[in-house]
Amino acid sequence: MKDKYGRTVDYLRVSVTDRCNLRCFYCIPKEGFTYIPHKEIL
């Protein structure tokens, strides 16, 4: 499978929290995202 940039996708990331803490473009929208303290993540 390839993403919209033509890169091969050969893995699947699964999160078991209600918020991802990696702060990458996969999880954070360009607008309307509010950071919360790490201790408050599920």
PDB file of N, CA and C in Angstrom:
ATOM      1  N   MET A   1       0.855  -1.168   0.000  1.00  0.00           N
ATOM      2  CA  MET A   1       0.000   0.000   0.000  1.00  0.00           C
ATOM      3  C   MET A   1       0.903   1.234   0.000  1.00  0.00           C
ATOM      4  N   LYS A   2       0.447   2.295  -0.635  1.00  0.00           N
ATOM      5  CA  LYS A   2       1.212   3.543  -0.678  1.00  0.00           C
ATOM      6  C   LYS A   2       0.347   4.692  -0.172  1.00  0.00           C
ATOM      7  N   ASP A   3       0.996   5.663   0.487  1.00  0.00           N
ATOM      8  CA  ASP A   3       0.269   6.839   0.953  1.00  0.00           C
ATOM      9  C   ASP A   3       0.194   7.871  -0.168  1.00  0.00           C
ATOM     10  N   LYS A   4      -0.414   9.022   0.122  1.00  0.00           N
ATOM     11  CA  LYS A   4      -0.608  10.028  -0.927  1.00  0.00           C
ATOM     12  C   LYS A   4       0.698  10.658  -1.413  1.00  0.00           C
ATOM     13  N   TYR A   5       1.805  10.414  -0.706  1.00  0.00           N
ATOM     14  CA  TYR A   5       3.109  10.926  -1.122  1.00  0.00           C
ATOM     15  C   TYR A   5       3.920   9.870  -1.872  1.00  0.00           C
ATOM     16  N   GLY A   6       3.315   8.693  -2.106  1.00  0.00           N
ATOM     17  CA  GLY A   6       3.991   7.633  -2.831  1.00  0.00           C
ATOM     18  C   GLY A   6       4.888   6.755  -1.978  1.00  0.00           C
ATOM     19  N   ARG A   7       4.865   6.956  -0.649  1.00  0.00           N
ATOM     20  CA  ARG A   7       5.694   6.150   0.244  1.00  0.00           C
ATOM     21  C   ARG A   7       5.001   4.820   0.529  1.00  0.00           C
ATOM     22  N   THR A   8       5.780   3.752   0.599  1.00  0.00           N
ATOM     23  CA  THR A   8       5.230   2.437   0.908  1.00  0.00           C
ATOM     24  C   THR A   8       4.886   2.366   2.388  1.00  0.00           C
ATOM     25  N   VAL A   9       3.673   1.937   2.686  1.00  0.00           N
ATOM     26  CA  VAL A   9       3.225   1.758   4.071  1.00  0.00           C
ATOM     27  C   VAL A   9       3.329   0.271   4.375  1.00  0.00           C
ATOM     28  N   ASP A  10       4.204  -0.087   5.332  1.00  0.00           N
ATOM     29  CA  ASP A  10       4.398  -1.498   5.660  1.00  0.00           C
ATOM     30  C   ASP A  10       4.264  -1.758   7.160  1.00  0.00           C
ATOM     31  N   TYR A  11       3.510  -0.889   7.843  1.00  0.00           N
ATOM     32  CA  TYR A  11       3.295  -1.057   9.278  1.00  0.00           C
ATOM     33  C   TYR A  11       1.939  -0.479   9.647  1.00  0.00           C
ATOM     34  N   LEU A  12       1.480  -0.799  10.833  1.00  0.00           N
ATOM     35  CA  LEU A  12       0.225  -0.271  11.349  1.00  0.00           C
ATOM     36  C   LEU A  12       0.471   0.202  12.769  1.00  0.00           C
ATOM     37  N   ARG A  13       0.131   1.445  13.059  1.00  0.00           N
ATOM     38  CA  ARG A  13       0.293   1.994  14.403  1.00  0.00           C
ATOM     39  C   ARG A  13      -1.058   1.924  15.114  1.00  0.00           C
ATOM     40  N   VAL A  14      -1.075   1.319  16.296  1.00  0.00           N
ATOM     41  CA  VAL A  14      -2.297   1.196  17.080  1.00  0.00           C
ATOM     42  C   VAL A  14      -2.084   1.909  18.400  1.00  0.00           C
ATOM     43  N   SER A  15      -3.002   2.778  18.760  1.00  0.00           N
ATOM     44  CA  SER A  15      -2.909   3.525  20.012  1.00  0.00           C
ATOM     45  C   SER A  15      -3.927   2.984  21.004  1.00  0.00           C
ATOM     46  N   VAL A  16      -3.513   2.838  22.257  1.00  0.00           N
ATOM     47  CA  VAL A  16      -4.431   2.363  23.295  1.00  0.00           C
ATOM     48  C   VAL A  16      -4.793   3.478  24.270  1.00  0.00           C
ATOM     49  N   THR A  17      -4.521   4.708  23.876  1.00  0.00           N
ATOM     50  CA  THR A  17      -4.886   5.861  24.690  1.00  0.00           C
ATOM     51  C   THR A  17      -5.938   6.670  23.953  1.00  0.00           C
ATOM     52  N   ASP A  18      -6.549   7.606  24.670  1.00  0.00           N
ATOM     53  CA  ASP A  18      -7.546   8.458  24.025  1.00  0.00           C
ATOM     54  C   ASP A  18      -6.911   9.601  23.254  1.00  0.00           C
ATOM     55  N   ARG A  19      -5.624   9.842  23.471  1.00  0.00           N
ATOM     56  CA  ARG A  19      -4.882  10.883  22.755  1.00  0.00           C
ATOM     57  C   ARG A  19      -3.490  10.378  22.425  1.00  0.00           C
ATOM     58  N   CYS A  20      -3.065  10.578  21.207  1.00  0.00           N
ATOM     59  CA  CYS A  20      -1.701  10.230  20.821  1.00  0.00           C
ATOM     60  C   CYS A  20      -0.762  11.303  21.374  1.00  0.00           C
ATOM     61  N   ASN A  21       0.400  10.912  21.858  1.00  0.00           N
ATOM     62  CA  ASN A  21       1.347  11.892  22.395  1.00  0.00           C
ATOM     63  C   ASN A  21       2.585  12.057  21.516  1.00  0.00           C
ATOM     64  N   LEU A  22       2.538  11.574  20.279  1.00  0.00           N
ATOM     65  CA  LEU A  22       3.695  11.682  19.395  1.00  0.00           C
ATOM     66  C   LEU A  22       3.761  13.011  18.661  1.00  0.00           C
ATOM     67  N   ARG A  23       2.667  13.727  18.604  1.00  0.00           N
ATOM     68  CA  ARG A  23       2.590  15.060  17.992  1.00  0.00           C
ATOM     69  C   ARG A  23       3.041  15.085  16.528  1.00  0.00           C
ATOM     70  N   CYS A  24       2.680  14.049  15.791  1.00  0.00           N
ATOM     71  CA  CYS A  24       3.012  14.027  14.367  1.00  0.00           C
ATOM     72  C   CYS A  24       1.782  14.388  13.543  1.00  0.00           C
ATOM     73  N   PHE A  25       1.947  14.569  12.240  1.00  0.00           N
ATOM     74  CA  PHE A  25       0.829  14.996  11.404  1.00  0.00           C
ATOM     75  C   PHE A  25      -0.224  13.912  11.211  1.00  0.00           C
ATOM     76  N   TYR A  26       0.069  12.660  11.589  1.00  0.00           N
ATOM     77  CA  TYR A  26      -0.942  11.605  11.492  1.00  0.00           C
ATOM     78  C   TYR A  26      -2.069  11.831  12.498  1.00  0.00           C
ATOM     79  N   CYS A  27      -1.735  12.330  13.674  1.00  0.00           N
ATOM     80  CA  CYS A  27      -2.702  12.402  14.777  1.00  0.00           C
ATOM     81  C   CYS A  27      -3.233  13.804  15.062  1.00  0.00           C
ATOM     82  N   ILE A  28      -2.532  14.820  14.630  1.00  0.00           N
ATOM     83  CA  ILE A  28      -2.904  16.182  14.998  1.00  0.00           C
ATOM     84  C   ILE A  28      -3.398  16.948  13.773  1.00  0.00           C
ATOM     85  N   PRO A  29      -4.646  17.413  13.811  1.00  0.00           N
ATOM     86  CA  PRO A  29      -5.162  18.200  12.690  1.00  0.00           C
ATOM     87  C   PRO A  29      -4.496  19.573  12.638  1.00  0.00           C
ATOM     88  N   LYS A  30      -4.582  20.246  11.497  1.00  0.00           N
ATOM     89  CA  LYS A  30      -3.968  21.570  11.355  1.00  0.00           C
ATOM     90  C   LYS A  30      -4.633  22.604  12.255  1.00  0.00           C
ATOM     91  N   GLU A  31      -5.930  22.439  12.516  1.00  0.00           N
ATOM     92  CA  GLU A  31      -6.665  23.402  13.342  1.00  0.00           C
ATOM     93  C   GLU A  31      -7.529  22.673  14.361  1.00  0.00           C
ATOM     94  N   GLY A  32      -7.811  23.346  15.459  1.00  0.00           N
ATOM     95  CA  GLY A  32      -8.762  22.836  16.434  1.00  0.00           C
ATOM     96  C   GLY A  32      -8.234  21.777  17.384  1.00  0.00           C
ATOM     97  N   PHE A  33      -6.919  21.645  17.510  1.00  0.00           N
ATOM     98  CA  PHE A  33      -6.347  20.653  18.421  1.00  0.00           C
ATOM     99  C   PHE A  33      -5.850  21.352  19.669  1.00  0.00           C
ATOM    100  N   THR A  34      -6.191  20.824  20.834  1.00  0.00           N
ATOM    101  CA  THR A  34      -5.749  21.379  22.106  1.00  0.00           C
ATOM    102  C   THR A  34      -4.824  20.378  22.789  1.00  0.00           C
ATOM    103  N   TYR A  35      -3.609  20.809  23.111  1.00  0.00           N
ATOM    104  CA  TYR A  35      -2.688  19.943  23.841  1.00  0.00           C
ATOM    105  C   TYR A  35      -3.154  19.805  25.279  1.00  0.00           C
ATOM    106  N   ILE A  36      -2.992  18.609  25.848  1.00  0.00           N
ATOM    107  CA  ILE A  36      -3.308  18.387  27.253  1.00  0.00           C
ATOM    108  C   ILE A  36      -2.065  17.821  27.927  1.00  0.00           C
ATOM    109  N   PRO A  37      -1.931  18.028  29.247  1.00  0.00           N
ATOM    110  CA  PRO A  37      -0.760  17.500  29.952  1.00  0.00           C
ATOM    111  C   PRO A  37      -0.677  15.975  29.825  1.00  0.00           C
ATOM    112  N   HIS A  38       0.545  15.454  29.775  1.00  0.00           N
ATOM    113  CA  HIS A  38       0.764  14.019  29.615  1.00  0.00           C
ATOM    114  C   HIS A  38       0.038  13.209  30.685  1.00  0.00           C
ATOM    115  N   LYS A  39       0.010  13.702  31.917  1.00  0.00           N
ATOM    116  CA  LYS A  39      -0.628  12.956  33.014  1.00  0.00           C
ATOM    117  C   LYS A  39      -2.142  12.837  32.846  1.00  0.00           C
ATOM    118  N   GLU A  40      -2.734  13.639  31.974  1.00  0.00           N
ATOM    119  CA  GLU A  40      -4.177  13.577  31.750  1.00  0.00           C
ATOM    120  C   GLU A  40      -4.571  12.683  30.578  1.00  0.00           C
ATOM    121  N   ILE A  41      -3.586  12.110  29.890  1.00  0.00           N
ATOM    122  CA  ILE A  41      -3.876  11.200  28.782  1.00  0.00           C
ATOM    123  C   ILE A  41      -4.229   9.848  29.364  1.00  0.00           C
ATOM    124  N   LEU A  42      -5.428   9.367  29.077  1.00  0.00           N
ATOM    125  CA  LEU A  42      -5.993   8.104  29.550  1.00  0.00           C
ATOM    126  C   LEU A  42      -5.128   7.312  30.450  1.00  0.00           C
TER     127      LEU A  42
END
